[in-house]
Amino acid sequence: MISSTAEASFYSTMNVGRIALIRFYAYIGLALGISAMAMYGSSGYDEDAFLYQILSMQGLLWGGTGALLGSGLAVILATMKPAMLQGRVAGNTVPWVDGMLLMVLLAVIAAQFEPAREFITYEDQSNLLAPSIVMLMNMLLLFSAVTYIAYLFAPTEFMGRLATGTAYLGIYAAGVALLLRWHESYLFDMEIGHAPVSNLYEVFIFMFIITAAVYLSFERRYQARAMGAFVMSIVAAGVFFGIWLDSVGQGLIKPLVPALQSYWMKIHVPMNFVGYGSFAVACGAGMAYLVRYRLEANGGTAKVLAVFPSLEQLDQLAYKAVAVGFPAFTLATILGAAWAAEAWGGYWSWDPKETWALIVWLVYGAYLHARVSHGWHGKALAWWAVAGFLVTVFCFLGVNMYLSGLHSYGRLT
């Protein structure tokens, strides 16, 4: 109990007030410094090598200068306007950026153990480090899912902390694995290196990160740990599918097909999966709602029901998850249309992937409309969240596996 309180106290101290505000402005300064390097630095912006420019001494100077200026500005603003210390934006943002920077640091350390460039070939990728970290990610996420399920039947503090901790470790393993794959693609050839969002195998790993991260943020804020049994079970199903993808050769790093050789891929695809991951969390909340509803209807004991969040809370969490995912998915659809106009000469062509993306957008748009405008809630929307995610899964997987069209480069081969 004491350690739990100390942890909460440390977390609260780091993510509120002056410390959070300074980090928030430092991160903004860091981003602006790197952007300035791309525009005015000695090497300019080189899409093939910018990842390494950021991590070079030049990147350290530009980004570090921006971070220092941002920190100084935060100190001045906090002194002149103390009310800014009570804002919530900084405290809600900095933990996410902290996590991303930690992933980058771990990936940089792990990259030192990669084989030399002359020992790496497309034909034999067995000596690369990323597959081993993906295997670790698989074990952590599967163990977390099993532990969350066990927590429903044995809701001890130890079991809950073990489930949560392994979920966090799984996120970091997934992030490091993706960053290493990015680095490894450049080890083959600087001209064909690419962001690790180019095939189903890679985007599945990215979806694990988003799904687990959105869920864990809800768990910490709303003490909804029992929902993890449902959300992490969805992640576990994805892990098994990813293992199968790897077994049929989809886990190999391959050169980009011409249609994907665009800067649009780096922003359109991740935004899509922010939506998909959030919809997965909404589905988990919907399933938890339906289970609790059935337990209450069948006279479940107070001990069993006490494990679950209340029906009202689960209803709210499903809504909040959709409210996170829908704007991201909307932006991804708009960006996809812009990419299509550049690549194919038209914003919309009723390609199967585009059509099903529109269906997903309409499903969740109708969910929000029913909730906000007509006051729907409860069991009906819980089923809606579950059914909506099944539609999302078909848009994500079914179209890629069974339908052809302009997005046929995403099909399994």
Foldseek 3Di string as FASTA:
>chain_A
DVVVVVVVVVLVVCQAFLNLLLLQLLVVQLVVLLVCCLPPNPVHDDPLCSVVVCVDPNVCVSSVVRSVVSNVVSVVCCVVPVVVRHDCPSSVPVVVVVLLVVLVVVLVVVLVPADALVVDDLVDHPRGDLVVLLVVLLVLLVVLLVLLVVCLVVVDPVSLVSSLVSLSVSLSSLSSSQVSQLVVQVSNPSVQRDRQLQAPLSVLSLLSNLLSVLVSVCCVVPVFSNLSNQLSVVNNVSSVVSVVCVVVPNPGDDGHDVLCPDPLSVQLRSLQSNLLSLLSSLLSLLVLLVVLVVCVVVVHDPVSNVNGDDNVVSFVSSVVSLVRNLVSLVVSLQSCLVSCCVRPVGSDDVWVLNVLSVVLNVLSVVLVCCCPVVVDTGNVSSVSSNVSSVSVCCSSQVCQDPNDDPVVVHHDD
